[in-house]
Amino acid sequence: MDIFNIIGSLFGYILWFFYMIVKNYGLAVILFTIVIKLILFPVSIKQQKSMAANARMSAKQAELKKKYGNDTKKLNEEVSKLYEKEGANPASGCFTMAIPMLLLLGVYYAVINPLTNTLHIAKETVTSALNNLTTLPGIGTSFTSAYGQIDIIKLAQDANGRDFLGGFFDSSTVNSIVDYSNGFNFCGLDLLGKPSDSFSILIIIPILCFLTALLSQLFTMKMQGGAMGGQQQQQGCMKVMMIAMPLFSAWIAYGVPAAVGFYWIISTVLGFAQTVVLNHFYNAGKMTAKQEAQRIALLEINEAKVQYEYIPSFDENDFEQDNSKNKNKGKKGKK
């Protein structure tokens, strides 16, 4: 968790920078997420190339499996030679997928810990304030261990709440928290509230979490279906997972501050847009055709470098005629 908070703290500077420009947390999250996607874009390109390469290799591996299916050792040797020949690495996809996951978890911690990771208030000060605020009658029960920092910002929106904060933070820090709390209204949505607290317009956050996640999966599979060798009919468990994962994200978004769900929605939408761009330029079909063209061009270049020597054609009939003449000359000599 500490490593994610460290990354979240670094990303928090970017989030705070955009907030200071637009003075609205929702807009700041949108700009912030765009920047993160741009930072991760080279990694995403590498990941897309790896997926396309694996799709290309799968057909060739299937041929090798048919040929050496009964000889596991020989099959593994031929597959290794194939990867070496093609310059592909079967483990590269795992590595490129791990980097965005680690960074995105850091982004998540930048969102849920705004005091320490965005406003960069000392962790000891924030922890002490949370421990004491949870003991106060009337407001202590409103604090949660996971989203306590967001609860403090929500408390700063109320005049009485500011008085409570004055007992745990200096006046300059309280002013920063109050100023930050004023920017959490986005299009009529209080991003500090939880959809589960009361039935309100905030219910749209988990609904959008579900719809964006589901539609993103469906369209991504449809786009990559042709590139990955044809969209296969989904098995029952796969169909369940396609619904279960968006439902799980909606359930999480229902019980957490709307700011977290809002970030997930923006991240999903921008992630889908990124997938469209990557699939257009780096899909398996185009990359396979490009690599095949490069291979043919390289063969032509290497062939042009070869020096040819003229070797006269050999005619068997001429050889027999010459041999017959030589025999006749030998007979005449003996006479």
Protein backbone atom coordinates (compact mmCIF):
# COMPACT_ATOMS: atom_id res chain seq x y z
CA MET A 1 0.00 0.00 0.00
CA ASP A 2 2.86 2.40 0.78
CA ILE A 3 4.24 2.10 -2.75
CA PHE A 4 0.83 2.99 -4.15
CA ASN A 5 0.60 5.98 -1.83
CA ILE A 6 4.04 7.11 -3.01
CA ILE A 7 2.88 6.93 -6.63
CA GLY A 8 -0.42 8.52 -5.59
CA SER A 9 1.49 11.37 -3.96
CA LEU A 10 3.38 12.05 -7.20
CA PHE A 11 0.18 11.99 -9.21
CA GLY A 12 -1.43 14.18 -6.57
CA TYR A 13 0.79 17.07 -7.64
CA ILE A 14 -0.66 16.78 -11.16
CA LEU A 15 -4.22 16.64 -9.82
CA TRP A 16 -3.62 19.66 -7.58
CA PHE A 17 -2.05 21.57 -10.50
CA PHE A 18 -5.18 21.12 -12.62
CA TYR A 19 -7.46 21.90 -9.70
CA MET A 20 -5.69 25.22 -9.14
CA ILE A 21 -6.31 26.07 -12.80
CA VAL A 22 -9.99 25.08 -13.16
CA LYS A 23 -11.08 25.23 -9.46
CA ASN A 24 -13.35 22.24 -10.02
CA TYR A 25 -12.52 18.72 -8.92
CA GLY A 26 -14.53 17.02 -11.68
CA LEU A 27 -12.78 18.95 -14.45
CA ALA A 28 -9.44 18.43 -12.71
CA VAL A 29 -10.03 14.65 -12.65
CA ILE A 30 -10.82 14.67 -16.39
CA LEU A 31 -7.67 16.61 -17.27
CA PHE A 32 -5.66 14.56 -14.80
CA THR A 33 -6.86 11.26 -16.32
CA ILE A 34 -6.06 12.47 -19.84
CA VAL A 35 -2.48 13.25 -18.76
CA ILE A 36 -2.11 9.83 -17.10
CA LYS A 37 -3.38 8.13 -20.26
CA LEU A 38 -0.85 10.11 -22.32
CA ILE A 39 1.94 9.12 -19.91
CA LEU A 40 0.94 5.45 -20.24
CA PHE A 41 0.34 5.64 -23.99
CA PRO A 42 3.82 4.33 -25.00
CA VAL A 43 3.34 1.38 -22.65
CA SER A 44 -0.12 0.78 -24.11
CA ILE A 45 1.34 0.78 -27.62
CA LYS A 46 3.88 -1.85 -26.58
CA GLN A 47 1.11 -3.90 -24.98
CA GLN A 48 -1.01 -3.68 -28.15
CA LYS A 49 1.96 -4.72 -30.29
CA SER A 50 2.57 -7.65 -27.97
CA MET A 51 -1.07 -8.74 -28.25
CA ALA A 52 -0.92 -8.46 -32.04
CA ALA A 53 2.34 -10.44 -32.13
CA ASN A 54 0.84 -13.18 -29.97
CA ALA A 55 -2.18 -13.35 -32.26
CA ARG A 56 0.14 -13.69 -35.25
CA MET A 57 2.21 -16.35 -33.53
CA SER A 58 -0.80 -18.40 -32.43
CA ALA A 59 -1.52 -19.53 -36.00
CA LYS A 60 2.08 -20.62 -36.53
CA GLN A 61 2.14 -22.38 -33.17
CA ALA A 62 -1.02 -24.27 -34.15
CA GLU A 63 0.78 -25.56 -37.26
CA LEU A 64 3.74 -26.69 -35.18
CA LYS A 65 1.40 -28.40 -32.74
CA LYS A 66 -0.15 -30.41 -35.55
CA LYS A 67 3.28 -31.40 -36.81
CA TYR A 68 4.95 -32.18 -33.46
CA GLY A 69 1.93 -32.76 -31.23
CA ASN A 70 3.16 -36.17 -30.10
CA ASP A 71 6.70 -34.98 -29.36
CA THR A 72 6.52 -32.39 -26.56
CA LYS A 73 10.27 -31.81 -26.42
CA LYS A 74 10.54 -31.22 -30.16
CA LEU A 75 7.46 -28.99 -30.09
CA ASN A 76 8.96 -26.79 -27.35
CA GLU A 77 12.22 -26.54 -29.28
CA GLU A 78 10.45 -25.51 -32.47
CA VAL A 79 8.27 -22.97 -30.64
CA SER A 80 11.41 -21.45 -29.06
CA LYS A 81 13.03 -21.25 -32.49
CA LEU A 82 9.87 -19.62 -33.85
CA TYR A 83 9.87 -16.91 -31.17
CA GLU A 84 13.59 -16.31 -31.73
CA LYS A 85 13.11 -16.09 -35.49
CA GLU A 86 10.15 -13.71 -35.17
CA GLY A 87 11.82 -11.62 -32.45
CA ALA A 88 8.85 -12.08 -30.11
CA ASN A 89 8.83 -12.54 -26.33
CA PRO A 90 5.94 -14.51 -24.81
CA ALA A 91 6.45 -12.81 -21.41
CA SER A 92 6.52 -9.24 -22.71
CA GLY A 93 2.73 -8.87 -22.57
CA CYS A 94 2.66 -9.64 -18.84
CA PHE A 95 5.28 -6.99 -18.12
CA THR A 96 3.55 -4.26 -20.12
CA MET A 97 0.22 -5.07 -18.46
CA ALA A 98 1.73 -4.86 -14.96
CA ILE A 99 3.05 -1.30 -15.35
CA PRO A 100 -0.33 0.38 -16.07
CA MET A 101 -1.93 -1.62 -13.25
CA LEU A 102 0.64 -0.42 -10.70
CA LEU A 103 0.34 3.18 -11.87
CA LEU A 104 -3.46 3.13 -11.94
CA LEU A 105 -3.54 1.87 -8.36
CA GLY A 106 -1.38 4.88 -7.52
CA VAL A 107 -3.97 7.10 -9.22
CA TYR A 108 -6.69 5.48 -7.12
CA TYR A 109 -4.81 6.35 -3.93
CA ALA A 110 -4.38 9.93 -5.15
CA VAL A 111 -8.17 10.16 -5.38
CA ILE A 112 -9.11 8.51 -2.07
CA ASN A 113 -6.37 10.20 0.02
CA PRO A 114 -6.65 13.84 -1.09
CA LEU A 115 -5.24 15.37 2.11
CA THR A 116 -1.91 13.50 2.10
CA ASN A 117 -1.53 12.83 -1.63
CA THR A 118 -3.07 15.94 -3.22
CA LEU A 119 -2.86 18.71 -0.61
CA HIS A 120 0.27 16.99 0.79
CA ILE A 121 -0.56 17.55 4.45
CA ALA A 122 1.70 15.58 6.79
CA LYS A 123 0.46 12.02 7.24
CA GLU A 124 0.93 12.16 11.03
CA THR A 125 -1.24 15.28 11.24
CA VAL A 126 -4.02 13.73 9.14
CA THR A 127 -3.92 10.43 11.05
CA SER A 128 -4.09 12.23 14.41
CA ALA A 129 -7.03 14.34 13.21
CA LEU A 130 -8.92 11.26 11.99
CA ASN A 131 -8.35 9.38 15.23
CA ASN A 132 -9.70 12.29 17.27
CA LEU A 133 -12.59 13.17 14.97
CA THR A 134 -13.95 9.63 15.11
CA THR A 135 -14.38 10.01 18.88
CA LEU A 136 -16.48 13.18 18.68
CA PRO A 137 -20.22 12.71 19.37
CA GLY A 138 -22.47 13.30 16.41
CA ILE A 139 -19.84 13.27 13.67
CA GLY A 140 -17.56 10.40 14.65
CA THR A 141 -19.81 7.76 13.11
CA SER A 142 -19.67 9.47 9.69
CA PHE A 143 -15.95 8.71 9.26
CA THR A 144 -14.76 5.54 7.56
CA SER A 145 -11.29 4.06 7.74
CA ALA A 146 -10.94 3.76 3.95
CA TYR A 147 -12.32 7.17 2.95
CA GLY A 148 -11.70 9.22 6.09
CA GLN A 149 -9.77 11.92 4.22
CA ILE A 150 -12.67 12.50 1.84
CA ASP A 151 -14.97 12.65 4.90
CA ILE A 152 -12.78 15.43 6.35
CA ILE A 153 -13.09 17.44 3.14
CA LYS A 154 -16.85 16.93 3.25
CA LEU A 155 -16.86 18.15 6.85
CA ALA A 156 -15.09 21.34 5.69
CA GLN A 157 -18.15 22.25 3.57
CA ASP A 158 -20.12 22.93 6.76
CA ALA A 159 -19.40 26.00 8.89
CA ASN A 160 -19.58 24.01 12.14
CA GLY A 161 -17.32 21.39 10.64
CA ARG A 162 -14.67 24.00 9.98
CA ASP A 163 -14.66 24.83 13.66
CA PHE A 164 -13.95 21.17 14.44
CA LEU A 165 -11.09 21.11 11.93
CA GLY A 166 -9.57 24.20 13.55
CA GLY A 167 -8.77 22.07 16.57
CA PHE A 168 -6.59 19.67 14.56
CA PHE A 169 -5.10 21.77 11.73
CA ASP A 170 -3.55 25.23 11.61
CA SER A 171 -5.55 28.07 10.01
CA SER A 172 -3.61 27.93 6.72
CA THR A 173 -4.27 24.19 6.34
CA VAL A 174 -7.96 24.61 7.22
CA ASN A 175 -8.29 27.33 4.54
CA SER A 176 -6.69 25.00 1.97
CA ILE A 177 -9.09 22.18 2.89
CA VAL A 178 -12.11 24.53 2.78
CA ASP A 179 -11.04 25.93 -0.60
CA TYR A 180 -10.59 22.41 -1.93
CA SER A 181 -14.00 21.29 -0.60
CA ASN A 182 -15.76 24.05 -2.55
CA GLY A 183 -14.77 22.55 -5.89
CA PHE A 184 -16.44 19.14 -5.57
CA ASN A 185 -19.72 20.06 -7.26
CA PHE A 186 -19.70 18.84 -10.86
CA CYS A 187 -22.79 19.19 -13.06
CA GLY A 188 -25.04 19.17 -9.99
CA LEU A 189 -23.28 16.14 -8.46
CA ASP A 190 -21.65 16.34 -5.05
CA LEU A 191 -18.58 14.17 -5.65
CA LEU A 192 -17.98 13.93 -1.90
CA GLY A 193 -21.30 12.19 -1.28
CA LYS A 194 -21.95 8.44 -1.41
CA PRO A 195 -24.74 7.05 -3.60
CA SER A 196 -25.57 4.62 -0.79
CA ASP A 197 -26.20 7.36 1.80
CA SER A 198 -29.53 8.39 0.36
CA PHE A 199 -31.46 7.90 -2.84
CA SER A 200 -30.42 10.90 -4.94
CA ILE A 201 -29.05 11.87 -8.32
CA LEU A 202 -25.74 10.32 -7.24
CA ILE A 203 -27.22 6.93 -8.14
CA ILE A 204 -26.22 7.80 -11.71
CA ILE A 205 -22.56 7.25 -10.76
CA PRO A 206 -22.80 3.45 -10.21
CA ILE A 207 -25.19 3.17 -13.17
CA LEU A 208 -22.65 4.87 -15.45
CA CYS A 209 -19.87 2.71 -13.96
CA PHE A 210 -21.82 -0.38 -15.03
CA LEU A 211 -22.77 0.89 -18.49
CA THR A 212 -19.35 2.26 -19.43
CA ALA A 213 -17.57 -0.91 -18.26
CA LEU A 214 -20.02 -3.22 -20.08
CA LEU A 215 -20.13 -1.26 -23.34
CA SER A 216 -16.34 -0.87 -23.32
CA GLN A 217 -15.92 -4.65 -23.05
CA LEU A 218 -18.47 -5.38 -25.78
CA PHE A 219 -17.09 -2.90 -28.30
CA THR A 220 -13.47 -3.81 -27.53
CA MET A 221 -14.21 -7.50 -28.17
CA LYS A 222 -16.03 -6.62 -31.38
CA MET A 223 -13.13 -4.48 -32.64
CA GLN A 224 -10.44 -6.98 -31.76
CA GLY A 225 -12.46 -9.99 -32.87
CA GLY A 226 -11.26 -9.88 -36.48
CA ALA A 227 -7.71 -8.99 -35.50
CA MET A 228 -7.42 -11.87 -33.04
CA GLY A 229 -8.48 -14.53 -35.42
CA GLY A 230 -12.25 -14.11 -35.42
CA GLN A 231 -14.61 -13.53 -32.58
CA GLN A 232 -15.31 -16.91 -31.05
CA GLN A 233 -18.59 -17.74 -29.44
CA GLN A 234 -18.33 -16.94 -25.78
CA GLN A 235 -18.59 -19.77 -23.32
CA GLY A 236 -21.10 -19.54 -20.50
CA CYS A 237 -18.49 -18.55 -17.87
CA MET A 238 -17.14 -15.79 -20.14
CA LYS A 239 -20.61 -14.35 -20.61
CA VAL A 240 -21.10 -14.34 -16.85
CA MET A 241 -17.77 -12.55 -16.32
CA MET A 242 -18.69 -9.90 -18.87
CA ILE A 243 -21.70 -9.00 -16.74
CA ALA A 244 -20.17 -9.76 -13.34
CA MET A 245 -17.21 -7.40 -13.61
CA PRO A 246 -19.26 -4.29 -14.56
CA LEU A 247 -21.76 -5.20 -11.83
CA PHE A 248 -18.91 -5.47 -9.33
CA SER A 249 -17.58 -2.04 -10.28
CA ALA A 250 -21.09 -0.58 -9.95
CA TRP A 251 -21.50 -2.18 -6.52
CA ILE A 252 -18.18 -0.70 -5.35
CA ALA A 253 -19.10 2.72 -6.78
CA TYR A 254 -22.42 2.57 -4.92
CA GLY A 255 -20.75 2.38 -1.51
CA VAL A 256 -17.80 4.77 -1.95
CA PRO A 257 -17.61 8.57 -2.37
CA ALA A 258 -18.80 9.62 -5.81
CA ALA A 259 -15.35 11.06 -6.61
CA VAL A 260 -13.95 7.51 -6.81
CA GLY A 261 -16.72 6.26 -9.11
CA PHE A 262 -16.41 9.41 -11.22
CA TYR A 263 -12.73 8.72 -11.75
CA TRP A 264 -13.49 5.13 -12.79
CA ILE A 265 -16.05 6.35 -15.34
CA ILE A 266 -13.65 8.88 -16.87
CA SER A 267 -10.83 6.33 -16.89
CA THR A 268 -13.03 3.71 -18.60
CA VAL A 269 -14.25 6.12 -21.28
CA LEU A 270 -10.76 7.43 -22.04
CA GLY A 271 -9.39 3.89 -21.93
CA PHE A 272 -11.92 2.83 -24.56
CA ALA A 273 -10.99 5.82 -26.75
CA GLN A 274 -7.35 4.79 -26.42
CA THR A 275 -8.25 1.23 -27.44
CA VAL A 276 -9.99 2.53 -30.58
CA VAL A 277 -6.88 4.49 -31.57
CA LEU A 278 -4.49 1.62 -30.84
CA ASN A 279 -6.67 -0.92 -32.66
CA HIS A 280 -6.74 1.34 -35.71
CA PHE A 281 -2.97 1.69 -35.98
CA TYR A 282 -1.69 -1.47 -34.29
CA ASN A 283 -4.20 -4.25 -34.90
CA ALA A 284 -2.90 -7.73 -35.65
CA GLY A 285 -3.97 -7.73 -39.31
CA LYS A 286 -2.17 -4.51 -40.21
CA MET A 287 0.92 -5.38 -38.20
CA THR A 288 1.14 -8.86 -39.76
CA ALA A 289 0.86 -7.37 -43.27
CA LYS A 290 3.49 -4.75 -42.43
CA GLN A 291 5.91 -7.31 -41.01
CA GLU A 292 5.39 -9.60 -44.01
CA ALA A 293 6.14 -6.69 -46.35
CA GLN A 294 9.28 -5.90 -44.34
CA ARG A 295 10.34 -9.56 -44.50
CA ILE A 296 9.92 -9.68 -48.29
CA ALA A 297 11.78 -6.38 -48.69
CA LEU A 298 14.63 -7.72 -46.55
CA LEU A 299 14.82 -10.90 -48.64
CA GLU A 300 15.00 -8.83 -51.82
CA ILE A 301 17.79 -6.68 -50.34
CA ASN A 302 19.78 -9.74 -49.27
CA GLU A 303 19.21 -11.38 -52.64
CA ALA A 304 20.50 -8.28 -54.44
CA LYS A 305 23.75 -8.50 -52.46
CA VAL A 306 24.51 -12.02 -53.70
CA GLN A 307 27.11 -12.15 -56.52
CA TYR A 308 26.24 -14.57 -59.29
CA GLU A 309 28.77 -16.42 -61.52
CA TYR A 310 28.05 -17.55 -65.07
CA ILE A 311 28.10 -21.35 -65.42
CA PRO A 312 27.63 -22.64 -68.99
CA SER A 313 24.71 -24.94 -69.44
CA PHE A 314 25.55 -28.64 -69.73
CA ASP A 315 24.02 -30.52 -72.67
CA GLU A 316 24.15 -34.32 -72.34
CA ASN A 317 23.76 -34.82 -76.14
CA ASP A 318 26.83 -32.65 -76.83
CA PHE A 319 28.79 -34.71 -74.31
CA GLU A 320 27.82 -37.99 -75.98
CA GLN A 321 28.75 -36.64 -79.43
CA ASP A 322 32.16 -35.46 -78.19
CA ASN A 323 32.77 -38.77 -76.46
CA SER A 324 31.87 -40.67 -79.68
CA LYS A 325 34.29 -38.57 -81.73
CA ASN A 326 37.09 -39.24 -79.28
CA LYS A 327 36.46 -43.02 -79.50
CA ASN A 328 36.55 -42.89 -83.32
CA LYS A 329 39.85 -41.01 -83.26
CA GLY A 330 41.26 -43.72 -80.95
CA LYS A 331 40.28 -46.49 -83.35
CA LYS A 332 41.86 -44.71 -86.32
CA GLY A 333 45.08 -44.26 -84.38
CA LYS A 334 45.35 -47.98 -83.66
CA LYS A 335 44.99 -48.82 -87.34
